[in-house]
Amino acid sequence: MELKALLRQVRLCFFSACQARFGQLKTDKRV
């Protein structure tokens, strides 16, 4: 596997995970 492709996949996964958590926090309003 190419390093660039791997890095891209990891970044995508990390971004989506961050987005999901941020959405949860936003919905939670207890922060």
C-alpha atoms as a PDB file:
ATOM      1  CA  MET A   1       0.000   0.000   0.000  1.00  0.00           C
ATOM      2  CA  GLU A   2       1.221   3.482  -0.793  1.00  0.00           C
ATOM      3  CA  LEU A   3       2.140   5.671   2.128  1.00  0.00           C
ATOM      4  CA  LYS A   4       0.173   8.592   0.718  1.00  0.00           C
ATOM      5  CA  ALA A   5      -2.971   6.492   0.373  1.00  0.00           C
ATOM      6  CA  LEU A   6      -2.557   5.138   3.884  1.00  0.00           C
ATOM      7  CA  LEU A   7      -2.035   8.606   5.313  1.00  0.00           C
ATOM      8  CA  ARG A   8      -5.096   9.824   3.473  1.00  0.00           C
ATOM      9  CA  GLN A   9      -7.217   6.984   4.856  1.00  0.00           C
ATOM     10  CA  VAL A  10      -6.002   7.609   8.389  1.00  0.00           C
ATOM     11  CA  ARG A  11      -6.709  11.311   8.067  1.00  0.00           C
ATOM     12  CA  LEU A  12     -10.179  10.654   6.715  1.00  0.00           C
ATOM     13  CA  CYS A  13     -10.937   8.253   9.549  1.00  0.00           C
ATOM     14  CA  PHE A  14      -9.576  10.661  12.145  1.00  0.00           C
ATOM     15  CA  PHE A  15     -11.546  13.557  10.663  1.00  0.00           C
ATOM     16  CA  SER A  16     -14.815  11.631  10.610  1.00  0.00           C
ATOM     17  CA  ALA A  17     -14.241  10.471  14.181  1.00  0.00           C
ATOM     18  CA  CYS A  18     -13.527  14.031  15.296  1.00  0.00           C
ATOM     19  CA  GLN A  19     -16.600  15.269  13.484  1.00  0.00           C
ATOM     20  CA  ALA A  20     -18.764  12.639  15.152  1.00  0.00           C
ATOM     21  CA  ARG A  21     -17.449  13.509  18.607  1.00  0.00           C
ATOM     22  CA  PHE A  22     -17.836  17.225  17.968  1.00  0.00           C
ATOM     23  CA  GLY A  23     -21.417  16.638  16.876  1.00  0.00           C
ATOM     24  CA  GLN A  24     -22.059  14.709  20.084  1.00  0.00           C
ATOM     25  CA  LEU A  25     -20.609  17.504  22.200  1.00  0.00           C
ATOM     26  CA  LYS A  26     -22.629  20.079  20.307  1.00  0.00           C
ATOM     27  CA  THR A  27     -25.796  18.100  20.884  1.00  0.00           C
ATOM     28  CA  ASP A  28     -24.942  17.515  24.541  1.00  0.00           C
ATOM     29  CA  LYS A  29     -24.763  21.206  25.563  1.00  0.00           C
ATOM     30  CA  ARG A  30     -23.401  20.263  29.038  1.00  0.00           C
ATOM     31  CA  VAL A  31     -19.885  21.332  28.121  1.00  0.00           C
END
